[in-house]
PDB file of N, CA and C in Angstrom:
ATOM      1  N   MET A   1     -40.302 -13.584  -4.012  1.00  0.00           N
ATOM      2  CA  MET A   1     -39.257 -12.417  -3.794  1.00  0.00           C
ATOM      3  C   MET A   1     -38.110 -12.241  -4.451  1.00  0.00           C
ATOM      4  N   SER A   2     -37.148 -11.887  -5.127  1.00  0.00           N
ATOM      5  CA  SER A   2     -35.559 -11.930  -4.844  1.00  0.00           C
ATOM      6  C   SER A   2     -35.351 -10.615  -4.019  1.00  0.00           C
ATOM      7  N   GLU A   3     -34.315 -10.949  -3.458  1.00  0.00           N
ATOM      8  CA  GLU A   3     -33.778  -9.609  -2.958  1.00  0.00           C
ATOM      9  C   GLU A   3     -32.196  -9.365  -3.509  1.00  0.00           C
ATOM     10  N   THR A   4     -32.354  -8.027  -3.519  1.00  0.00           N
ATOM     11  CA  THR A   4     -31.307  -6.966  -3.919  1.00  0.00           C
ATOM     12  C   THR A   4     -29.701  -8.040  -3.160  1.00  0.00           C
ATOM     13  N   PRO A   5     -29.034  -7.692  -3.433  1.00  0.00           N
ATOM     14  CA  PRO A   5     -27.424  -7.981  -2.681  1.00  0.00           C
ATOM     15  C   PRO A   5     -27.760  -6.936  -2.299  1.00  0.00           C
ATOM     16  N   ILE A   6     -26.828  -6.724  -0.663  1.00  0.00           N
ATOM     17  CA  ILE A   6     -26.613  -5.685  -0.186  1.00  0.00           C
ATOM     18  C   ILE A   6     -24.887  -4.882  -0.740  1.00  0.00           C
ATOM     19  N   GLN A   7     -24.934  -4.162  -1.284  1.00  0.00           N
ATOM     20  CA  GLN A   7     -23.502  -3.633  -1.777  1.00  0.00           C
ATOM     21  C   GLN A   7     -22.327  -3.269  -0.678  1.00  0.00           C
ATOM     22  N   PRO A   8     -21.522  -3.747  -0.291  1.00  0.00           N
ATOM     23  CA  PRO A   8     -20.774  -3.740   0.380  1.00  0.00           C
ATOM     24  C   PRO A   8     -20.455  -1.828   0.752  1.00  0.00           C
ATOM     25  N   ARG A   9     -19.915  -1.669   1.980  1.00  0.00           N
ATOM     26  CA  ARG A   9     -19.692  -0.304   2.047  1.00  0.00           C
ATOM     27  C   ARG A   9     -18.030   0.400   0.978  1.00  0.00           C
ATOM     28  N   GLY A  10     -17.847   1.313   0.893  1.00  0.00           N
ATOM     29  CA  GLY A  10     -16.560   1.677   0.316  1.00  0.00           C
ATOM     30  C   GLY A  10     -17.216   1.712  -1.065  1.00  0.00           C
ATOM     31  N   GLU A  11     -15.421   1.356  -1.567  1.00  0.00           N
ATOM     32  CA  GLU A  11     -16.044   1.518  -3.314  1.00  0.00           C
ATOM     33  C   GLU A  11     -16.221   0.057  -4.144  1.00  0.00           C
ATOM     34  N   SER A  12     -17.435   0.200  -5.518  1.00  0.00           N
ATOM     35  CA  SER A  12     -17.336  -1.232  -6.128  1.00  0.00           C
ATOM     36  C   SER A  12     -16.380  -1.891  -6.288  1.00  0.00           C
ATOM     37  N   LEU A  13     -16.933  -3.130  -6.904  1.00  0.00           N
ATOM     38  CA  LEU A  13     -15.810  -3.684  -6.648  1.00  0.00           C
ATOM     39  C   LEU A  13     -14.802  -3.600  -7.916  1.00  0.00           C
ATOM     40  N   PRO A  14     -15.224  -3.395  -8.977  1.00  0.00           N
ATOM     41  CA  PRO A  14     -14.436  -3.029 -10.344  1.00  0.00           C
ATOM     42  C   PRO A  14     -13.476  -1.378 -10.123  1.00  0.00           C
ATOM     43  N   ALA A  15     -14.342  -0.814  -9.085  1.00  0.00           N
ATOM     44  CA  ALA A  15     -13.224   0.259  -8.578  1.00  0.00           C
ATOM     45  C   ALA A  15     -11.954   0.354  -7.653  1.00  0.00           C
ATOM     46  N   ARG A  16     -12.399  -0.467  -6.829  1.00  0.00           N
ATOM     47  CA  ARG A  16     -11.738  -1.127  -5.983  1.00  0.00           C
ATOM     48  C   ARG A  16     -10.207  -1.514  -6.815  1.00  0.00           C
ATOM     49  N   GLN A  17     -10.071  -3.022  -7.783  1.00  0.00           N
ATOM     50  CA  GLN A  17      -9.741  -3.434  -8.058  1.00  0.00           C
ATOM     51  C   GLN A  17      -8.788  -2.542  -8.875  1.00  0.00           C
ATOM     52  N   ALA A  18      -9.640  -1.583  -9.882  1.00  0.00           N
ATOM     53  CA  ALA A  18      -8.892  -0.587 -10.682  1.00  0.00           C
ATOM     54  C   ALA A  18      -7.727   0.325  -9.945  1.00  0.00           C
ATOM     55  N   ARG A  19      -8.736   0.306  -8.738  1.00  0.00           N
ATOM     56  CA  ARG A  19      -7.426   1.062  -7.409  1.00  0.00           C
ATOM     57  C   ARG A  19      -6.360   0.476  -7.248  1.00  0.00           C
ATOM     58  N   ILE A  20      -6.725  -0.849  -6.723  1.00  0.00           N
ATOM     59  CA  ILE A  20      -5.319  -1.750  -6.190  1.00  0.00           C
ATOM     60  C   ILE A  20      -4.144  -1.708  -7.252  1.00  0.00           C
ATOM     61  N   LYS A  21      -5.117  -1.868  -8.908  1.00  0.00           N
ATOM     62  CA  LYS A  21      -3.937  -2.039 -10.213  1.00  0.00           C
ATOM     63  C   LYS A  21      -3.037  -0.961  -9.989  1.00  0.00           C
ATOM     64  N   ARG A  22      -3.607   0.758  -9.794  1.00  0.00           N
ATOM     65  CA  ARG A  22      -3.161   1.949 -10.021  1.00  0.00           C
ATOM     66  C   ARG A  22      -1.613   1.679  -8.751  1.00  0.00           C
ATOM     67  N   LEU A  23      -2.250   1.678  -7.692  1.00  0.00           N
ATOM     68  CA  LEU A  23      -1.455   1.892  -6.388  1.00  0.00           C
ATOM     69  C   LEU A  23       0.261   0.059  -7.155  1.00  0.00           C
ATOM     70  N   ILE A  24      -0.613  -0.613  -7.146  1.00  0.00           N
ATOM     71  CA  ILE A  24       0.773  -1.926  -7.467  1.00  0.00           C
ATOM     72  C   ILE A  24       1.422  -1.246  -8.792  1.00  0.00           C
ATOM     73  N   TYR A  25       1.324  -0.342  -9.583  1.00  0.00           N
ATOM     74  CA  TYR A  25       1.486   0.642 -10.352  1.00  0.00           C
ATOM     75  C   TYR A  25       2.699   1.011 -10.132  1.00  0.00           C
ATOM     76  N   ARG A  26       1.709   2.216  -9.082  1.00  0.00           N
ATOM     77  CA  ARG A  26       2.784   3.499  -8.726  1.00  0.00           C
ATOM     78  C   ARG A  26       3.919   2.603  -7.641  1.00  0.00           C
ATOM     79  N   ALA A  27       3.253   1.959  -7.106  1.00  0.00           N
ATOM     80  CA  ALA A  27       4.815   1.120  -6.255  1.00  0.00           C
ATOM     81  C   ALA A  27       5.760   0.516  -6.617  1.00  0.00           C
ATOM     82  N   SER A  28       4.871   0.152  -7.732  1.00  0.00           N
ATOM     83  CA  SER A  28       6.752  -0.792  -9.003  1.00  0.00           C
ATOM     84  C   SER A  28       7.214   0.252  -9.066  1.00  0.00           C
ATOM     85  N   TYR A  29       6.817   1.835  -9.590  1.00  0.00           N
ATOM     86  CA  TYR A  29       7.924   2.878 -10.267  1.00  0.00           C
ATOM     87  C   TYR A  29       7.950   3.912  -9.563  1.00  0.00           C
ATOM     88  N   THR A  30       8.505   3.942  -8.298  1.00  0.00           N
ATOM     89  CA  THR A  30       8.426   5.049  -7.776  1.00  0.00           C
ATOM     90  C   THR A  30       9.444   6.004  -7.962  1.00  0.00           C
ATOM     91  N   GLY A  31      10.619   5.325  -8.447  1.00  0.00           N
ATOM     92  CA  GLY A  31      12.133   6.005  -9.002  1.00  0.00           C
ATOM     93  C   GLY A  31      13.440   5.761  -8.490  1.00  0.00           C
ATOM     94  N   MET A  32      13.158   5.035  -7.276  1.00  0.00           N
ATOM     95  CA  MET A  32      14.188   4.643  -6.675  1.00  0.00           C
ATOM     96  C   MET A  32      14.274   2.800  -7.015  1.00  0.00           C
ATOM     97  N   LYS A  33      15.329   2.393  -7.432  1.00  0.00           N
ATOM     98  CA  LYS A  33      14.961   0.928  -7.482  1.00  0.00           C
ATOM     99  C   LYS A  33      14.810   0.257  -6.293  1.00  0.00           C
ATOM    100  N   GLU A  34      15.321   0.362  -5.047  1.00  0.00           N
ATOM    101  CA  GLU A  34      15.113  -0.075  -4.218  1.00  0.00           C
ATOM    102  C   GLU A  34      13.578   0.413  -3.064  1.00  0.00           C
ATOM    103  N   THR A  35      13.162   1.016  -2.944  1.00  0.00           N
ATOM    104  CA  THR A  35      11.809   0.940  -3.004  1.00  0.00           C
ATOM    105  C   THR A  35      10.610   0.795  -4.282  1.00  0.00           C
ATOM    106  N   ASP A  36      11.069   0.417  -5.148  1.00  0.00           N
ATOM    107  CA  ASP A  36      10.436  -0.196  -6.240  1.00  0.00           C
ATOM    108  C   ASP A  36       9.986  -1.409  -6.171  1.00  0.00           C
ATOM    109  N   LEU A  37      11.125  -2.119  -5.815  1.00  0.00           N
ATOM    110  CA  LEU A  37      11.786  -3.565  -4.851  1.00  0.00           C
ATOM    111  C   LEU A  37      10.159  -4.070  -4.388  1.00  0.00           C
ATOM    112  N   LEU A  38      10.552  -3.103  -3.203  1.00  0.00           N
ATOM    113  CA  LEU A  38      10.155  -3.173  -1.713  1.00  0.00           C
ATOM    114  C   LEU A  38       8.787  -3.349  -1.732  1.00  0.00           C
ATOM    115  N   LEU A  39       8.133  -1.855  -2.450  1.00  0.00           N
ATOM    116  CA  LEU A  39       6.965  -1.212  -1.944  1.00  0.00           C
ATOM    117  C   LEU A  39       5.865  -2.410  -3.145  1.00  0.00           C
ATOM    118  N   GLY A  40       6.973  -2.678  -4.927  1.00  0.00           N
ATOM    119  CA  GLY A  40       5.898  -2.970  -5.456  1.00  0.00           C
ATOM    120  C   GLY A  40       5.841  -4.665  -5.253  1.00  0.00           C
ATOM    121  N   GLN A  41       6.815  -5.476  -4.576  1.00  0.00           N
ATOM    122  CA  GLN A  41       6.322  -6.563  -3.777  1.00  0.00           C
ATOM    123  C   GLN A  41       5.044  -6.503  -3.234  1.00  0.00           C
ATOM    124  N   PHE A  42       5.780  -6.090  -2.351  1.00  0.00           N
ATOM    125  CA  PHE A  42       4.944  -5.500  -0.805  1.00  0.00           C
ATOM    126  C   PHE A  42       2.896  -5.413  -1.214  1.00  0.00           C
ATOM    127  N   ALA A  43       3.194  -4.266  -2.464  1.00  0.00           N
ATOM    128  CA  ALA A  43       1.699  -4.285  -3.065  1.00  0.00           C
ATOM    129  C   ALA A  43       1.402  -5.523  -3.721  1.00  0.00           C
ATOM    130  N   SER A  44       1.826  -5.692  -4.846  1.00  0.00           N
ATOM    131  CA  SER A  44       1.242  -7.580  -5.096  1.00  0.00           C
ATOM    132  C   SER A  44       0.743  -8.080  -4.236  1.00  0.00           C
ATOM    133  N   ARG A  45       1.831  -8.743  -3.532  1.00  0.00           N
ATOM    134  CA  ARG A  45       1.368  -9.286  -2.066  1.00  0.00           C
ATOM    135  C   ARG A  45       0.514  -8.944  -1.623  1.00  0.00           C
ATOM    136  N   TYR A  46       0.391  -7.843  -0.923  1.00  0.00           N
ATOM    137  CA  TYR A  46      -0.967  -7.569   0.017  1.00  0.00           C
ATOM    138  C   TYR A  46      -2.282  -6.528  -0.129  1.00  0.00           C
ATOM    139  N   LEU A  47      -1.910  -5.828  -1.030  1.00  0.00           N
ATOM    140  CA  LEU A  47      -3.018  -4.960  -1.462  1.00  0.00           C
ATOM    141  C   LEU A  47      -4.127  -5.420  -1.703  1.00  0.00           C
ATOM    142  N   PRO A  48      -4.562  -6.427  -2.291  1.00  0.00           N
ATOM    143  CA  PRO A  48      -5.677  -6.893  -2.401  1.00  0.00           C
ATOM    144  C   PRO A  48      -6.348  -7.758  -1.038  1.00  0.00           C
ATOM    145  N   ASP A  49      -5.954  -7.466  -0.685  1.00  0.00           N
ATOM    146  CA  ASP A  49      -6.588  -8.075   0.817  1.00  0.00           C
ATOM    147  C   ASP A  49      -6.790  -7.132   2.227  1.00  0.00           C
ATOM    148  N   LEU A  50      -6.103  -5.805   1.322  1.00  0.00           N
ATOM    149  CA  LEU A  50      -6.086  -4.333   2.743  1.00  0.00           C
ATOM    150  C   LEU A  50      -7.451  -4.288   2.618  1.00  0.00           C
ATOM    151  N   ASP A  51      -7.688  -3.163   3.631  1.00  0.00           N
ATOM    152  CA  ASP A  51      -9.229  -2.940   3.730  1.00  0.00           C
ATOM    153  C   ASP A  51      -8.788  -1.830   3.312  1.00  0.00           C
ATOM    154  N   ASP A  52     -10.243  -0.845   3.002  1.00  0.00           N
ATOM    155  CA  ASP A  52     -10.077   0.600   2.526  1.00  0.00           C
ATOM    156  C   ASP A  52      -9.079   1.459   3.098  1.00  0.00           C
ATOM    157  N   GLY A  53      -9.390   1.590   4.674  1.00  0.00           N
ATOM    158  CA  GLY A  53      -8.562   2.436   5.024  1.00  0.00           C
ATOM    159  C   GLY A  53      -7.171   2.303   5.013  1.00  0.00           C
ATOM    160  N   ASP A  54      -6.541   0.967   4.779  1.00  0.00           N
ATOM    161  CA  ASP A  54      -5.115   0.777   4.908  1.00  0.00           C
ATOM    162  C   ASP A  54      -5.015   1.281   3.135  1.00  0.00           C
ATOM    163  N   LEU A  55      -5.660   1.178   2.551  1.00  0.00           N
ATOM    164  CA  LEU A  55      -5.328   1.545   0.862  1.00  0.00           C
ATOM    165  C   LEU A  55      -5.007   2.865   1.110  1.00  0.00           C
ATOM    166  N   ASP A  56      -5.925   3.851   2.268  1.00  0.00           N
ATOM    167  CA  ASP A  56      -5.822   4.999   1.951  1.00  0.00           C
ATOM    168  C   ASP A  56      -4.536   5.366   2.611  1.00  0.00           C
ATOM    169  N   MET A  57      -4.132   4.689   3.604  1.00  0.00           N
ATOM    170  CA  MET A  57      -2.547   4.781   4.077  1.00  0.00           C
ATOM    171  C   MET A  57      -1.280   4.520   3.351  1.00  0.00           C
ATOM    172  N   PHE A  58      -1.579   3.297   2.650  1.00  0.00           N
ATOM    173  CA  PHE A  58      -0.507   3.280   1.459  1.00  0.00           C
ATOM    174  C   PHE A  58      -0.239   4.324   0.414  1.00  0.00           C
ATOM    175  N   GLU A  59      -1.567   4.413   0.257  1.00  0.00           N
ATOM    176  CA  GLU A  59      -1.312   5.357  -0.643  1.00  0.00           C
ATOM    177  C   GLU A  59      -1.321   7.037  -0.195  1.00  0.00           C
ATOM    178  N   ALA A  60      -1.126   7.303   0.573  1.00  0.00           N
ATOM    179  CA  ALA A  60      -0.438   8.813   1.440  1.00  0.00           C
ATOM    180  C   ALA A  60       0.672   8.087   1.631  1.00  0.00           C
ATOM    181  N   LEU A  61       1.398   7.248   1.790  1.00  0.00           N
ATOM    182  CA  LEU A  61       2.741   6.563   1.968  1.00  0.00           C
ATOM    183  C   LEU A  61       3.164   6.687   0.957  1.00  0.00           C
ATOM    184  N   LEU A  62       2.595   6.514  -0.305  1.00  0.00           N
ATOM    185  CA  LEU A  62       3.418   6.957  -1.576  1.00  0.00           C
ATOM    186  C   LEU A  62       3.397   8.234  -1.420  1.00  0.00           C
ATOM    187  N   GLU A  63       2.979   9.294  -1.464  1.00  0.00           N
ATOM    188  CA  GLU A  63       3.324  10.571  -1.909  1.00  0.00           C
ATOM    189  C   GLU A  63       4.015  10.970  -0.636  1.00  0.00           C
ATOM    190  N   ALA A  64       4.679  10.352   0.054  1.00  0.00           N
ATOM    191  CA  ALA A  64       5.348  10.973   0.897  1.00  0.00           C
ATOM    192  C   ALA A  64       6.698  11.189   0.398  1.00  0.00           C
ATOM    193  N   GLY A  65       7.200  10.120  -0.983  1.00  0.00           N
ATOM    194  CA  GLY A  65       8.120  10.285  -1.376  1.00  0.00           C
ATOM    195  C   GLY A  65       9.367   8.815  -1.425  1.00  0.00           C
ATOM    196  N   ASP A  66      10.372   8.523  -2.004  1.00  0.00           N
ATOM    197  CA  ASP A  66      11.255   7.617  -1.920  1.00  0.00           C
ATOM    198  C   ASP A  66      11.925   7.706  -0.714  1.00  0.00           C
ATOM    199  N   PRO A  67      12.645   8.414  -0.690  1.00  0.00           N
ATOM    200  CA  PRO A  67      13.453   8.715   0.239  1.00  0.00           C
ATOM    201  C   PRO A  67      13.404   8.888   1.827  1.00  0.00           C
ATOM    202  N   LYS A  68      12.018   9.694   1.991  1.00  0.00           N
ATOM    203  CA  LYS A  68      11.532   9.101   3.478  1.00  0.00           C
ATOM    204  C   LYS A  68      11.438   7.444   3.553  1.00  0.00           C
ATOM    205  N   ILE A  69      10.104   7.011   2.675  1.00  0.00           N
ATOM    206  CA  ILE A  69       9.694   5.833   2.921  1.00  0.00           C
ATOM    207  C   ILE A  69      11.276   5.152   3.058  1.00  0.00           C
ATOM    208  N   LEU A  70      12.012   5.007   2.079  1.00  0.00           N
ATOM    209  CA  LEU A  70      13.362   4.017   2.908  1.00  0.00           C
ATOM    210  C   LEU A  70      14.024   4.627   3.845  1.00  0.00           C
ATOM    211  N   ALA A  71      14.274   5.612   4.505  1.00  0.00           N
ATOM    212  CA  ALA A  71      14.752   5.909   5.621  1.00  0.00           C
ATOM    213  C   ALA A  71      13.649   5.276   7.004  1.00  0.00           C
ATOM    214  N   TRP A  72      12.598   5.407   6.608  1.00  0.00           N
ATOM    215  CA  TRP A  72      11.862   4.804   7.434  1.00  0.00           C
ATOM    216  C   TRP A  72      11.485   3.887   7.757  1.00  0.00           C
ATOM    217  N   VAL A  73      11.898   2.644   6.994  1.00  0.00           N
ATOM    218  CA  VAL A  73      11.918   1.298   6.800  1.00  0.00           C
ATOM    219  C   VAL A  73      12.954   1.139   7.324  1.00  0.00           C
ATOM    220  N   GLN A  74      14.239   1.411   7.000  1.00  0.00           N
ATOM    221  CA  GLN A  74      15.583   0.624   6.848  1.00  0.00           C
ATOM    222  C   GLN A  74      15.714   1.473   8.485  1.00  0.00           C
ATOM    223  N   GLY A  75      14.853   2.368   9.619  1.00  0.00           N
ATOM    224  CA  GLY A  75      14.882   2.718  10.710  1.00  0.00           C
ATOM    225  C   GLY A  75      16.154   3.644  10.682  1.00  0.00           C
ATOM    226  N   ASP A  76      16.823   4.236   9.746  1.00  0.00           N
ATOM    227  CA  ASP A  76      17.117   6.145   9.314  1.00  0.00           C
ATOM    228  C   ASP A  76      17.054   6.746  10.225  1.00  0.00           C
ATOM    229  N   GLU A  77      15.355   6.896  10.407  1.00  0.00           N
ATOM    230  CA  GLU A  77      14.698   8.072  10.447  1.00  0.00           C
ATOM    231  C   GLU A  77      12.989   7.287  11.008  1.00  0.00           C
ATOM    232  N   ASP A  78      12.674   8.148  12.339  1.00  0.00           N
ATOM    233  CA  ASP A  78      11.319   7.341  12.884  1.00  0.00           C
ATOM    234  C   ASP A  78      10.197   7.782  11.528  1.00  0.00           C
ATOM    235  N   VAL A  79       9.353   7.117  12.232  1.00  0.00           N
ATOM    236  CA  VAL A  79       8.028   6.990  11.341  1.00  0.00           C
ATOM    237  C   VAL A  79       7.385   7.690  11.684  1.00  0.00           C
ATOM    238  N   PRO A  80       6.995   9.194  10.985  1.00  0.00           N
ATOM    239  CA  PRO A  80       5.685  10.659  12.030  1.00  0.00           C
ATOM    240  C   PRO A  80       4.540   9.304  12.098  1.00  0.00           C
ATOM    241  N   ALA A  81       3.678  10.262  13.142  1.00  0.00           N
ATOM    242  CA  ALA A  81       2.711   9.470  13.910  1.00  0.00           C
ATOM    243  C   ALA A  81       1.740   9.231  12.862  1.00  0.00           C
ATOM    244  N   GLU A  82       1.783  10.340  11.581  1.00  0.00           N
ATOM    245  CA  GLU A  82       0.442   9.645  10.743  1.00  0.00           C
ATOM    246  C   GLU A  82       0.753   8.943   9.267  1.00  0.00           C
ATOM    247  N   PHE A  83       1.931   7.846   9.663  1.00  0.00           N
ATOM    248  CA  PHE A  83       2.255   7.245   8.611  1.00  0.00           C
ATOM    249  C   PHE A  83       2.591   5.454   9.890  1.00  0.00           C
ATOM    250  N   GLN A  84       2.521   5.653  11.010  1.00  0.00           N
ATOM    251  CA  GLN A  84       2.783   4.821  12.024  1.00  0.00           C
ATOM    252  C   GLN A  84       1.558   3.623  11.887  1.00  0.00           C
ATOM    253  N   GLY A  85       1.215   2.726  11.962  1.00  0.00           N
ATOM    254  CA  GLY A  85       0.582   1.649  11.978  1.00  0.00           C
ATOM    255  C   GLY A  85       0.726   0.309  11.443  1.00  0.00           C
ATOM    256  N   ARG A  86      -0.518  -0.652  11.028  1.00  0.00           N
ATOM    257  CA  ARG A  86      -0.335  -1.892  10.228  1.00  0.00           C
ATOM    258  C   ARG A  86       0.145  -1.874   8.991  1.00  0.00           C
ATOM    259  N   VAL A  87       0.110  -0.914   8.561  1.00  0.00           N
ATOM    260  CA  VAL A  87       0.554  -0.873   6.478  1.00  0.00           C
ATOM    261  C   VAL A  87       1.942  -0.743   7.086  1.00  0.00           C
ATOM    262  N   MET A  88       2.706   0.488   7.629  1.00  0.00           N
ATOM    263  CA  MET A  88       4.226   0.478   8.423  1.00  0.00           C
ATOM    264  C   MET A  88       4.592  -0.638   8.253  1.00  0.00           C
ATOM    265  N   ASP A  89       3.833  -1.605   9.504  1.00  0.00           N
ATOM    266  CA  ASP A  89       4.548  -2.551  10.678  1.00  0.00           C
ATOM    267  C   ASP A  89       4.585  -3.443   9.372  1.00  0.00           C
ATOM    268  N   MET A  90       3.914  -3.411   8.126  1.00  0.00           N
ATOM    269  CA  MET A  90       3.400  -5.013   7.350  1.00  0.00           C
ATOM    270  C   MET A  90       4.907  -4.390   6.546  1.00  0.00           C
ATOM    271  N   ILE A  91       5.159  -3.260   6.321  1.00  0.00           N
ATOM    272  CA  ILE A  91       6.282  -3.268   4.862  1.00  0.00           C
ATOM    273  C   ILE A  91       7.469  -3.433   5.498  1.00  0.00           C
ATOM    274  N   LYS A  92       7.390  -2.728   6.952  1.00  0.00           N
ATOM    275  CA  LYS A  92       8.769  -2.883   7.550  1.00  0.00           C
ATOM    276  C   LYS A  92       9.233  -4.863   8.008  1.00  0.00           C
ATOM    277  N   SER A  93       8.305  -5.557   8.026  1.00  0.00           N
ATOM    278  CA  SER A  93       8.691  -7.114   7.956  1.00  0.00           C
ATOM    279  C   SER A  93       8.808  -7.371   6.899  1.00  0.00           C
ATOM    280  N   PHE A  94       8.418  -6.789   5.944  1.00  0.00           N
ATOM    281  CA  PHE A  94       8.624  -7.757   4.237  1.00  0.00           C
ATOM    282  C   PHE A  94       9.561  -7.999   3.602  1.00  0.00           C
ATOM    283  N   ARG A  95      10.201  -9.010   3.288  1.00  0.00           N
ATOM    284  CA  ARG A  95      11.031  -9.579   2.850  1.00  0.00           C
ATOM    285  C   ARG A  95      10.545  -9.627   1.671  1.00  0.00           C
ATOM    286  N   ILE A  96      11.527  -8.926   0.403  1.00  0.00           N
ATOM    287  CA  ILE A  96      12.459  -9.093  -1.079  1.00  0.00           C
ATOM    288  C   ILE A  96      11.949 -10.777  -1.263  1.00  0.00           C
ATOM    289  N   LYS A  97      11.485 -10.786  -2.486  1.00  0.00           N
ATOM    290  CA  LYS A  97      12.064 -11.992  -2.821  1.00  0.00           C
ATOM    291  C   LYS A  97      13.128 -12.047  -4.348  1.00  0.00           C
ATOM    292  N   LYS A  98      13.933 -12.449  -4.245  1.00  0.00           N
ATOM    293  CA  LYS A  98      15.104 -12.093  -5.479  1.00  0.00           C
ATOM    294  C   LYS A  98      14.902 -13.431  -6.743  1.00  0.00           C
TER     295      LYS A  98
END
């Protein structure tokens, strides 16, 4: 008797891959060159390895807008509580490849 593979919780693999591709695209074309470079490279490097909750956080962060994201990353403004956590810490410590 063959067993049916257990479907992991969350999105199906094709849906997850499509979501990651969409987020990488959005992160690479935010509107400001500085955030395009930072978030685009970060997304390409780390999004495939993030869990669904972290992907949700990254997507919410993109909705906050470029000027805010840049101010938070540069330390010009405090990061609001809803964006504090692992993803923001990873972005703050990420270094752009030239």
